C-alpha atoms as a PDB file:
ATOM      1  CA  UNK A   1     104.787 118.397  66.909  1.00  0.00           C
ATOM      2  CA  UNK A   2     106.854 116.303  69.307  1.00  0.00           C
ATOM      3  CA  UNK A   3     110.626 116.591  69.041  1.00  0.00           C
ATOM      4  CA  UNK A   4     112.217 113.284  68.043  1.00  0.00           C
ATOM      5  CA  UNK A   5     113.699 110.907  70.559  1.00  0.00           C
ATOM      6  CA  UNK A   6     117.395 110.581  69.644  1.00  0.00           C
ATOM      7  CA  UNK A   7     119.511 107.590  70.628  1.00  0.00           C
ATOM      8  CA  UNK A   8     123.246 107.223  70.195  1.00  0.00           C
ATOM      9  CA  UNK A   9     124.276 103.797  68.889  1.00  0.00           C
ATOM     10  CA  UNK A  10     127.713 102.230  68.435  1.00  0.00           C
ATOM     11  CA  UNK A  11     126.922  98.530  68.135  1.00  0.00           C
ATOM     12  CA  UNK A  12     127.531  97.751  71.820  1.00  0.00           C
ATOM     13  CA  UNK A  13     125.027  95.816  73.924  1.00  0.00           C
ATOM     14  CA  UNK A  14     124.441  98.967  75.963  1.00  0.00           C
ATOM     15  CA  UNK A  15     123.559 101.068  72.935  1.00  0.00           C
ATOM     16  CA  UNK A  16     121.158  98.400  71.643  1.00  0.00           C
ATOM     17  CA  UNK A  17     119.436  98.343  75.047  1.00  0.00           C
ATOM     18  CA  UNK A  18     119.223 102.134  74.804  1.00  0.00           C
ATOM     19  CA  UNK A  19     117.687 101.838  71.324  1.00  0.00           C
ATOM     20  CA  UNK A  20     114.967  99.532  72.674  1.00  0.00           C
ATOM     21  CA  UNK A  21     114.239 101.924  75.544  1.00  0.00           C
ATOM     22  CA  UNK A  22     114.171 104.865  73.136  1.00  0.00           C
ATOM     23  CA  UNK A  23     111.743 103.031  70.827  1.00  0.00           C
ATOM     24  CA  UNK A  24     109.295 102.536  73.693  1.00  0.00           C
ATOM     25  CA  UNK A  25     109.705 106.159  74.725  1.00  0.00           C
ATOM     26  CA  UNK A  26     109.053 107.363  71.168  1.00  0.00           C
ATOM     27  CA  UNK A  27     105.903 105.213  71.011  1.00  0.00           C
ATOM     28  CA  UNK A  28     104.666 106.682  74.303  1.00  0.00           C
ATOM     29  CA  UNK A  29     105.236 110.209  73.007  1.00  0.00           C
ATOM     30  CA  UNK A  30     103.936 109.612  69.481  1.00  0.00           C
ATOM     31  CA  UNK A  31     107.314 110.857  68.245  1.00  0.00           C
ATOM     32  CA  UNK A  32     109.835 109.767  65.644  1.00  0.00           C
ATOM     33  CA  UNK A  33     113.080 108.064  66.618  1.00  0.00           C
ATOM     34  CA  UNK A  34     116.458 109.144  65.278  1.00  0.00           C
ATOM     35  CA  UNK A  35     119.318 106.642  65.437  1.00  0.00           C
ATOM     36  CA  UNK A  36     122.624 108.536  65.606  1.00  0.00           C
ATOM     37  CA  UNK A  37     125.994 106.861  65.048  1.00  0.00           C
ATOM     38  CA  UNK A  38     129.126 108.977  65.491  1.00  0.00           C
ATOM     39  CA  UNK A  39     132.209 107.854  63.613  1.00  0.00           C
ATOM     40  CA  UNK A  40     135.248 109.108  65.505  1.00  0.00           C
ATOM     41  CA  UNK A  41     138.086 110.405  63.340  1.00  0.00           C
ATOM     42  CA  UNK A  42     141.517 110.408  64.981  1.00  0.00           C
ATOM     43  CA  UNK A  43     144.159 113.018  64.025  1.00  0.00           C
ATOM     44  CA  UNK A  44     146.589 110.360  62.737  1.00  0.00           C
ATOM     45  CA  UNK A  45     143.969 108.391  60.846  1.00  0.00           C
ATOM     46  CA  UNK A  46     144.561 108.503  57.105  1.00  0.00           C
ATOM     47  CA  UNK A  47     141.954 109.640  54.642  1.00  0.00           C
ATOM     48  CA  UNK A  48     142.394 106.833  52.150  1.00  0.00           C
ATOM     49  CA  UNK A  49     139.316 105.934  50.161  1.00  0.00           C
ATOM     50  CA  UNK A  50     139.490 102.302  51.293  1.00  0.00           C
ATOM     51  CA  UNK A  51     139.568 103.327  54.964  1.00  0.00           C
ATOM     52  CA  UNK A  52     136.667 105.726  54.587  1.00  0.00           C
ATOM     53  CA  UNK A  53     134.671 103.136  52.666  1.00  0.00           C
ATOM     54  CA  UNK A  54     135.221 100.548  55.410  1.00  0.00           C
ATOM     55  CA  UNK A  55     134.209 103.091  58.055  1.00  0.00           C
ATOM     56  CA  UNK A  56     131.022 103.907  56.165  1.00  0.00           C
ATOM     57  CA  UNK A  57     130.120 100.209  55.847  1.00  0.00           C
ATOM     58  CA  UNK A  58     130.663  99.733  59.574  1.00  0.00           C
ATOM     59  CA  UNK A  59     128.485 102.737  60.376  1.00  0.00           C
ATOM     60  CA  UNK A  60     125.749 101.405  58.099  1.00  0.00           C
ATOM     61  CA  UNK A  61     125.838  97.993  59.818  1.00  0.00           C
ATOM     62  CA  UNK A  62     125.631  99.609  63.254  1.00  0.00           C
ATOM     63  CA  UNK A  63     122.611 101.683  62.217  1.00  0.00           C
ATOM     64  CA  UNK A  64     120.885  98.775  60.481  1.00  0.00           C
ATOM     65  CA  UNK A  65     121.314  96.505  63.475  1.00  0.00           C
ATOM     66  CA  UNK A  66     119.876  99.158  65.796  1.00  0.00           C
ATOM     67  CA  UNK A  67     116.953  99.730  63.422  1.00  0.00           C
ATOM     68  CA  UNK A  68     116.204  96.001  63.402  1.00  0.00           C
ATOM     69  CA  UNK A  69     116.163  95.995  67.206  1.00  0.00           C
ATOM     70  CA  UNK A  70     113.793  98.976  67.249  1.00  0.00           C
ATOM     71  CA  UNK A  71     111.397  97.464  64.706  1.00  0.00           C
ATOM     72  CA  UNK A  72     111.288  94.244  66.755  1.00  0.00           C
ATOM     73  CA  UNK A  73     109.956  96.030  69.856  1.00  0.00           C
ATOM     74  CA  UNK A  74     108.009  98.948  68.344  1.00  0.00           C
ATOM     75  CA  UNK A  75     107.360  98.435  64.603  1.00  0.00           C
ATOM     76  CA  UNK A  76     104.990 101.412  64.489  1.00  0.00           C
ATOM     77  CA  UNK A  77     107.706 103.959  65.353  1.00  0.00           C
ATOM     78  CA  UNK A  78     109.082 106.019  62.473  1.00  0.00           C
ATOM     79  CA  UNK A  79     112.866 105.610  62.417  1.00  0.00           C
ATOM     80  CA  UNK A  80     115.547 107.812  60.861  1.00  0.00           C
ATOM     81  CA  UNK A  81     119.181 106.723  60.586  1.00  0.00           C
ATOM     82  CA  UNK A  82     121.834 109.440  60.963  1.00  0.00           C
ATOM     83  CA  UNK A  83     125.553 108.828  60.537  1.00  0.00           C
ATOM     84  CA  UNK A  84     127.862 111.584  61.806  1.00  0.00           C
ATOM     85  CA  UNK A  85     131.579 112.207  62.244  1.00  0.00           C
ATOM     86  CA  UNK A  86     133.562 113.975  64.945  1.00  0.00           C
ATOM     87  CA  UNK A  87     134.044 113.939  68.686  1.00  0.00           C
ATOM     88  CA  UNK A  88     131.423 111.596  70.127  1.00  0.00           C
ATOM     89  CA  UNK A  89     130.712 113.697  73.226  1.00  0.00           C
ATOM     90  CA  UNK A  90     130.485 116.955  71.241  1.00  0.00           C
ATOM     91  CA  UNK A  91     128.237 115.552  68.486  1.00  0.00           C
ATOM     92  CA  UNK A  92     125.923 113.830  70.964  1.00  0.00           C
ATOM     93  CA  UNK A  93     125.686 116.884  73.221  1.00  0.00           C
ATOM     94  CA  UNK A  94     124.746 118.989  70.186  1.00  0.00           C
ATOM     95  CA  UNK A  95     122.162 116.380  69.152  1.00  0.00           C
ATOM     96  CA  UNK A  96     120.601 116.636  72.612  1.00  0.00           C
ATOM     97  CA  UNK A  97     119.553 120.227  71.854  1.00  0.00           C
ATOM     98  CA  UNK A  98     116.983 119.006  69.325  1.00  0.00           C
ATOM     99  CA  UNK A  99     116.045 115.785  71.130  1.00  0.00           C
ATOM    100  CA  UNK A 100     113.346 114.975  73.644  1.00  0.00           C
ATOM    101  CA  UNK A 101     115.211 113.200  75.142  1.00  0.00           C
ATOM    102  CA  UNK A 102     118.667 112.038  74.072  1.00  0.00           C
ATOM    103  CA  UNK A 103     119.174 108.387  75.082  1.00  0.00           C
ATOM    104  CA  UNK A 104     122.559 106.726  75.584  1.00  0.00           C
ATOM    105  CA  UNK A 105     123.754 103.323  76.689  1.00  0.00           C
ATOM    106  CA  UNK A 106     125.895 103.271  79.805  1.00  0.00           C
ATOM    107  CA  UNK A 107     127.919 100.775  81.823  1.00  0.00           C
ATOM    108  CA  UNK A 108     128.586 103.245  84.588  1.00  0.00           C
ATOM    109  CA  UNK A 109     132.144 104.319  85.332  1.00  0.00           C
ATOM    110  CA  UNK A 110     133.443 101.390  87.318  1.00  0.00           C
ATOM    111  CA  UNK A 111     134.327  99.136  84.380  1.00  0.00           C
ATOM    112  CA  UNK A 112     136.143  99.353  81.060  1.00  0.00           C
ATOM    113  CA  UNK A 113     133.682 101.219  78.882  1.00  0.00           C
ATOM    114  CA  UNK A 114     132.824 101.480  75.210  1.00  0.00           C
ATOM    115  CA  UNK A 115     132.197 104.533  73.056  1.00  0.00           C
ATOM    116  CA  UNK A 116     128.807 105.458  74.522  1.00  0.00           C
ATOM    117  CA  UNK A 117     129.408 103.975  77.960  1.00  0.00           C
ATOM    118  CA  UNK A 118     131.302 105.585  80.788  1.00  0.00           C
ATOM    119  CA  UNK A 119     133.391 108.647  80.027  1.00  0.00           C
ATOM    120  CA  UNK A 120     131.546 109.664  76.839  1.00  0.00           C
ATOM    121  CA  UNK A 121     128.083 109.421  78.384  1.00  0.00           C
ATOM    122  CA  UNK A 122     129.319 111.350  81.423  1.00  0.00           C
ATOM    123  CA  UNK A 123     130.786 113.999  79.140  1.00  0.00           C
ATOM    124  CA  UNK A 124     127.516 114.338  77.239  1.00  0.00           C
ATOM    125  CA  UNK A 125     125.505 114.699  80.451  1.00  0.00           C
ATOM    126  CA  UNK A 126     127.925 117.365  81.676  1.00  0.00           C
ATOM    127  CA  UNK A 127     127.531 119.391  78.460  1.00  0.00           C
ATOM    128  CA  UNK A 128     123.882 118.900  77.501  1.00  0.00           C
ATOM    129  CA  UNK A 129     121.283 121.570  78.230  1.00  0.00           C
ATOM    130  CA  UNK A 130     118.395 119.184  77.493  1.00  0.00           C
ATOM    131  CA  UNK A 131     117.410 115.918  79.236  1.00  0.00           C
ATOM    132  CA  UNK A 132     119.640 112.880  78.726  1.00  0.00           C
ATOM    133  CA  UNK A 133     118.585 109.324  79.628  1.00  0.00           C
ATOM    134  CA  UNK A 134     121.197 106.669  80.400  1.00  0.00           C
ATOM    135  CA  UNK A 135     120.253 102.995  79.992  1.00  0.00           C
ATOM    136  CA  UNK A 136     122.166  99.884  81.014  1.00  0.00           C
ATOM    137  CA  UNK A 137     121.736  96.380  79.667  1.00  0.00           C
ATOM    138  CA  UNK A 138     120.808  95.170  83.157  1.00  0.00           C
ATOM    139  CA  UNK A 139     118.232  97.961  83.560  1.00  0.00           C
ATOM    140  CA  UNK A 140     115.371  95.541  82.958  1.00  0.00           C
ATOM    141  CA  UNK A 141     112.916  97.436  85.155  1.00  0.00           C
ATOM    142  CA  UNK A 142     111.549  99.654  82.403  1.00  0.00           C
ATOM    143  CA  UNK A 143     111.307  96.942  79.745  1.00  0.00           C
ATOM    144  CA  UNK A 144     109.883  94.273  82.019  1.00  0.00           C
ATOM    145  CA  UNK A 145     107.288  96.591  83.483  1.00  0.00           C
ATOM    146  CA  UNK A 146     106.325  97.846  80.034  1.00  0.00           C
ATOM    147  CA  UNK A 147     105.956  94.327  78.679  1.00  0.00           C
ATOM    148  CA  UNK A 148     104.117  92.957  81.676  1.00  0.00           C
ATOM    149  CA  UNK A 149     101.894  95.914  82.450  1.00  0.00           C
ATOM    150  CA  UNK A 150     103.658  96.496  85.770  1.00  0.00           C
ATOM    151  CA  UNK A 151     103.387  99.751  87.704  1.00  0.00           C
ATOM    152  CA  UNK A 152     106.884 100.135  89.062  1.00  0.00           C
ATOM    153  CA  UNK A 153     107.605 103.615  90.344  1.00  0.00           C
ATOM    154  CA  UNK A 154     109.157 106.565  88.627  1.00  0.00           C
ATOM    155  CA  UNK A 155     111.516 107.910  91.308  1.00  0.00           C
ATOM    156  CA  UNK A 156     112.268 111.623  91.580  1.00  0.00           C
ATOM    157  CA  UNK A 157     114.949 113.339  93.613  1.00  0.00           C
ATOM    158  CA  UNK A 158     113.610 116.604  95.090  1.00  0.00           C
ATOM    159  CA  UNK A 159     115.513 119.435  96.744  1.00  0.00           C
ATOM    160  CA  UNK A 160     112.793 121.096  98.812  1.00  0.00           C
ATOM    161  CA  UNK A 161     115.008 124.121  99.508  1.00  0.00           C
ATOM    162  CA  UNK A 162     115.504 124.891  95.800  1.00  0.00           C
ATOM    163  CA  UNK A 163     112.901 122.884  93.875  1.00  0.00           C
ATOM    164  CA  UNK A 164     113.185 122.995  90.097  1.00  0.00           C
ATOM    165  CA  UNK A 165     110.152 123.140  87.824  1.00  0.00           C
ATOM    166  CA  UNK A 166     111.936 121.527  84.846  1.00  0.00           C
ATOM    167  CA  UNK A 167     112.838 118.434  86.859  1.00  0.00           C
ATOM    168  CA  UNK A 168     109.432 118.155  88.523  1.00  0.00           C
ATOM    169  CA  UNK A 169     107.618 118.573  85.201  1.00  0.00           C
ATOM    170  CA  UNK A 170     109.743 115.896  83.530  1.00  0.00           C
ATOM    171  CA  UNK A 171     109.121 113.394  86.328  1.00  0.00           C
ATOM    172  CA  UNK A 172     105.360 113.967  86.545  1.00  0.00           C
ATOM    173  CA  UNK A 173     105.030 113.709  82.776  1.00  0.00           C
ATOM    174  CA  UNK A 174     107.105 110.513  82.740  1.00  0.00           C
ATOM    175  CA  UNK A 175     104.878 108.978  85.416  1.00  0.00           C
ATOM    176  CA  UNK A 176     101.725 110.037  83.558  1.00  0.00           C
ATOM    177  CA  UNK A 177     102.892 108.480  80.300  1.00  0.00           C
ATOM    178  CA  UNK A 178     103.721 105.215  82.056  1.00  0.00           C
ATOM    179  CA  UNK A 179     100.599 105.114  84.260  1.00  0.00           C
ATOM    180  CA  UNK A 180     103.090 104.697  87.086  1.00  0.00           C
ATOM    181  CA  UNK A 181     103.282 105.949  90.638  1.00  0.00           C
ATOM    182  CA  UNK A 182     105.690 108.834  91.240  1.00  0.00           C
ATOM    183  CA  UNK A 183     107.861 108.399  94.312  1.00  0.00           C
ATOM    184  CA  UNK A 184     109.357 111.749  95.317  1.00  0.00           C
ATOM    185  CA  UNK A 185     112.416 111.468  97.569  1.00  0.00           C
ATOM    186  CA  UNK A 186     114.074 114.159  99.661  1.00  0.00           C
ATOM    187  CA  UNK A 187     117.138 113.394 101.785  1.00  0.00           C
ATOM    188  CA  UNK A 188     117.971 115.460 104.836  1.00  0.00           C
ATOM    189  CA  UNK A 189     120.924 115.614 107.206  1.00  0.00           C
ATOM    190  CA  UNK A 190     120.589 116.049 110.967  1.00  0.00           C
ATOM    191  CA  UNK A 191     122.461 118.990 112.529  1.00  0.00           C
ATOM    192  CA  UNK A 192     125.678 118.027 114.300  1.00  0.00           C
ATOM    193  CA  UNK A 193     125.828 117.816 118.088  1.00  0.00           C
ATOM    194  CA  UNK A 194     127.549 121.180 118.467  1.00  0.00           C
ATOM    195  CA  UNK A 195     124.612 122.831 116.704  1.00  0.00           C
ATOM    196  CA  UNK A 196     121.994 120.827 118.574  1.00  0.00           C
ATOM    197  CA  UNK A 197     123.333 121.384 122.072  1.00  0.00           C
ATOM    198  CA  UNK A 198     122.991 118.944 124.943  1.00  0.00           C
ATOM    199  CA  UNK A 199     119.258 118.272 124.637  1.00  0.00           C
ATOM    200  CA  UNK A 200     118.601 118.647 120.944  1.00  0.00           C
ATOM    201  CA  UNK A 201     119.149 115.071 119.772  1.00  0.00           C
ATOM    202  CA  UNK A 202     117.549 111.698 120.208  1.00  0.00           C
ATOM    203  CA  UNK A 203     115.012 109.623 118.262  1.00  0.00           C
ATOM    204  CA  UNK A 204     112.097 111.924 119.069  1.00  0.00           C
ATOM    205  CA  UNK A 205     113.904 114.954 117.669  1.00  0.00           C
ATOM    206  CA  UNK A 206     114.863 112.981 114.561  1.00  0.00           C
ATOM    207  CA  UNK A 207     111.264 111.925 114.004  1.00  0.00           C
ATOM    208  CA  UNK A 208     110.093 115.506 114.401  1.00  0.00           C
ATOM    209  CA  UNK A 209     112.597 116.744 111.842  1.00  0.00           C
ATOM    210  CA  UNK A 210     111.548 113.997 109.408  1.00  0.00           C
ATOM    211  CA  UNK A 211     107.910 115.058 109.747  1.00  0.00           C
ATOM    212  CA  UNK A 212     108.862 118.682 109.108  1.00  0.00           C
ATOM    213  CA  UNK A 213     110.755 117.752 105.933  1.00  0.00           C
ATOM    214  CA  UNK A 214     107.805 115.643 104.812  1.00  0.00           C
ATOM    215  CA  UNK A 215     105.505 118.674 105.186  1.00  0.00           C
ATOM    216  CA  UNK A 216     107.942 120.786 103.144  1.00  0.00           C
ATOM    217  CA  UNK A 217     108.028 118.113 100.434  1.00  0.00           C
ATOM    218  CA  UNK A 218     104.235 117.875 100.351  1.00  0.00           C
ATOM    219  CA  UNK A 219     103.985 121.654  99.962  1.00  0.00           C
ATOM    220  CA  UNK A 220     106.443 121.656  97.037  1.00  0.00           C
ATOM    221  CA  UNK A 221     104.524 118.893  95.274  1.00  0.00           C
ATOM    222  CA  UNK A 222     100.995 120.210  95.833  1.00  0.00           C
ATOM    223  CA  UNK A 223     100.853 122.399  92.734  1.00  0.00           C
ATOM    224  CA  UNK A 224     102.060 119.425  90.640  1.00  0.00           C
ATOM    225  CA  UNK A 225      99.508 117.106  92.229  1.00  0.00           C
ATOM    226  CA  UNK A 226      96.841 119.595  91.158  1.00  0.00           C
ATOM    227  CA  UNK A 227      98.259 119.747  87.626  1.00  0.00           C
ATOM    228  CA  UNK A 228      98.523 115.947  87.340  1.00  0.00           C
ATOM    229  CA  UNK A 229      95.536 114.608  89.313  1.00  0.00           C
ATOM    230  CA  UNK A 230      95.821 111.171  87.685  1.00  0.00           C
ATOM    231  CA  UNK A 231      99.380 110.605  88.921  1.00  0.00           C
ATOM    232  CA  UNK A 232      99.631 108.799  92.242  1.00  0.00           C
ATOM    233  CA  UNK A 233     102.362 110.371  94.369  1.00  0.00           C
ATOM    234  CA  UNK A 234     104.271 108.838  97.261  1.00  0.00           C
ATOM    235  CA  UNK A 235     106.305 111.320  99.307  1.00  0.00           C
ATOM    236  CA  UNK A 236     109.418 109.958 101.032  1.00  0.00           C
ATOM    237  CA  UNK A 237     112.035 111.613 103.210  1.00  0.00           C
ATOM    238  CA  UNK A 238     115.187 109.912 104.393  1.00  0.00           C
ATOM    239  CA  UNK A 239     118.025 110.928 106.661  1.00  0.00           C
ATOM    240  CA  UNK A 240     121.416 110.604 105.018  1.00  0.00           C
ATOM    241  CA  UNK A 241     123.216 111.227 101.760  1.00  0.00           C
ATOM    242  CA  UNK A 242     120.900 112.119  98.838  1.00  0.00           C
ATOM    243  CA  UNK A 243     122.597 109.698  96.445  1.00  0.00           C
ATOM    244  CA  UNK A 244     122.182 106.799  98.875  1.00  0.00           C
ATOM    245  CA  UNK A 245     118.504 107.582  99.391  1.00  0.00           C
ATOM    246  CA  UNK A 246     117.862 107.801  95.643  1.00  0.00           C
ATOM    247  CA  UNK A 247     119.707 104.589  94.827  1.00  0.00           C
ATOM    248  CA  UNK A 248     117.788 102.708  97.517  1.00  0.00           C
ATOM    249  CA  UNK A 249     114.432 104.080  96.371  1.00  0.00           C
ATOM    250  CA  UNK A 250     115.222 103.337  92.716  1.00  0.00           C
ATOM    251  CA  UNK A 251     116.480  99.773  93.212  1.00  0.00           C
ATOM    252  CA  UNK A 252     113.377  98.446  91.415  1.00  0.00           C
ATOM    253  CA  UNK A 253     112.236 101.602  89.614  1.00  0.00           C
ATOM    254  CA  UNK A 254     111.141 102.050  86.016  1.00  0.00           C
ATOM    255  CA  UNK A 255     112.962 105.364  85.847  1.00  0.00           C
ATOM    256  CA  UNK A 256     115.017 107.589  88.140  1.00  0.00           C
ATOM    257  CA  UNK A 257     114.846 111.349  87.508  1.00  0.00           C
ATOM    258  CA  UNK A 258     117.447 113.759  88.880  1.00  0.00           C
ATOM    259  CA  UNK A 259     118.351 117.353  88.144  1.00  0.00           C
ATOM    260  CA  UNK A 260     121.643 118.881  87.064  1.00  0.00           C
ATOM    261  CA  UNK A 261     122.275 122.543  87.685  1.00  0.00           C
ATOM    262  CA  UNK A 262     123.625 124.297  84.600  1.00  0.00           C
ATOM    263  CA  UNK A 263     126.944 125.999  85.413  1.00  0.00           C
ATOM    264  CA  UNK A 264     127.193 129.764  85.292  1.00  0.00           C
ATOM    265  CA  UNK A 265     130.153 129.319  82.920  1.00  0.00           C
ATOM    266  CA  UNK A 266     129.198 126.848  80.143  1.00  0.00           C
ATOM    267  CA  UNK A 267     132.879 126.300  79.337  1.00  0.00           C
ATOM    268  CA  UNK A 268     133.192 124.406  82.647  1.00  0.00           C
ATOM    269  CA  UNK A 269     130.875 121.369  82.276  1.00  0.00           C
ATOM    270  CA  UNK A 270     130.055 119.502  85.473  1.00  0.00           C
ATOM    271  CA  UNK A 271     127.500 117.032  86.780  1.00  0.00           C
ATOM    272  CA  UNK A 272     127.497 117.594  90.533  1.00  0.00           C
ATOM    273  CA  UNK A 273     128.249 114.949  93.194  1.00  0.00           C
ATOM    274  CA  UNK A 274     124.768 113.406  93.486  1.00  0.00           C
ATOM    275  CA  UNK A 275     124.253 113.084  89.735  1.00  0.00           C
ATOM    276  CA  UNK A 276     127.781 111.746  89.302  1.00  0.00           C
ATOM    277  CA  UNK A 277     127.168 109.028  91.901  1.00  0.00           C
ATOM    278  CA  UNK A 278     123.834 107.871  90.488  1.00  0.00           C
ATOM    279  CA  UNK A 279     125.321 107.772  86.974  1.00  0.00           C
ATOM    280  CA  UNK A 280     127.927 105.385  88.346  1.00  0.00           C
ATOM    281  CA  UNK A 281     125.617 103.182  90.383  1.00  0.00           C
ATOM    282  CA  UNK A 282     121.964 103.366  89.292  1.00  0.00           C
ATOM    283  CA  UNK A 283     120.754 100.131  87.680  1.00  0.00           C
ATOM    284  CA  UNK A 284     117.468 101.475  86.339  1.00  0.00           C
ATOM    285  CA  UNK A 285     117.194 103.959  83.441  1.00  0.00           C
ATOM    286  CA  UNK A 286     118.324 107.385  84.632  1.00  0.00           C
ATOM    287  CA  UNK A 287     117.025 110.716  83.323  1.00  0.00           C
ATOM    288  CA  UNK A 288     119.257 113.709  84.014  1.00  0.00           C
ATOM    289  CA  UNK A 289     117.354 116.975  83.565  1.00  0.00           C
ATOM    290  CA  UNK A 290     119.386 120.212  83.340  1.00  0.00           C
ATOM    291  CA  UNK A 291     118.003 123.316  85.010  1.00  0.00           C
ATOM    292  CA  UNK A 292     119.044 126.897  85.653  1.00  0.00           C
END
C-alpha cells in the first residue's frame, strides 16, 4: 500500500498551493492525502481554556479550508485532517518519515516568510531523511501542465562522479507518473589555466571536455533508461556552477529533483550549497531527496 502524501498547511497562500500540488500527487500515486497543521506553542503562552479553544478553532478552520481546496481539484482523493502541536520544523520533519512525499509551501528565503515558508521549510529539508517537495504560489508549471495535458520536463540534477540511486529513482518515477520527459543535467567546471598549461585551453578543448562529460552522464543513466523504457530522457551538460545550470534548465519545468547528502552526524542538519540555492531561487516545484 502506498504511503500517504502529507502536506503541511497553515492557512497561507503558499500552503494552499502546496495542498493542491499534493492532491494531484496523491491522485497520481493512488494514495491518501494527510493534511497536517502544526499549532506552535510558545513558552510564555498561557494555558487558559479560552486560549486553547480559540487555537483549536483556528486549526480547524485552517484544515477545513485546505480540505476544500483539495476537494476542488481532486475530489476522488481520500483526505485525513491532522492537527498537531509543537515545534513546526520538528513535527514536520518527523511527519516526513511516514510520508511519500512531505509537501510544504515555500516563498524562498529572500522575503519575509510565514510558518511553512522560508526558515521552517529549510529546517525541515535539513532534518528530513525522506523526500520533501517545496511548492510556491507562482510555481504554476506543474498545475498548468497537469490541467492542460502539457509535457513540460522533470529536471534532474546528476553528479556523475557520485551518482545516487535514490535521487535517480525518484526522478525517473516522477517523470513516468507525469508522462513527462526527464531532462538530466550535469554541470562541470573547466580546470584552471595553471592546471591546463599553455596549450590546454580554447574552445576546442572545452567542447571535447563537454562531450566527455556527456558520455559519462549517458553511462550513468543507461541502467535507468533500461528500467524505464517509456521515459524519454534528454541528457544535458553545462559548464559552470551546478545551481545556475539547474535553475536555467528548470525555468519552465514541472518539477526539479535534487539530492541532499545525509550528514554523518544527524545532530548537524545541513542542506548543502546547491540545494540551498535552488530552495531560494527555484520557481517550479522542487523535490529534495536525501541520500547516504
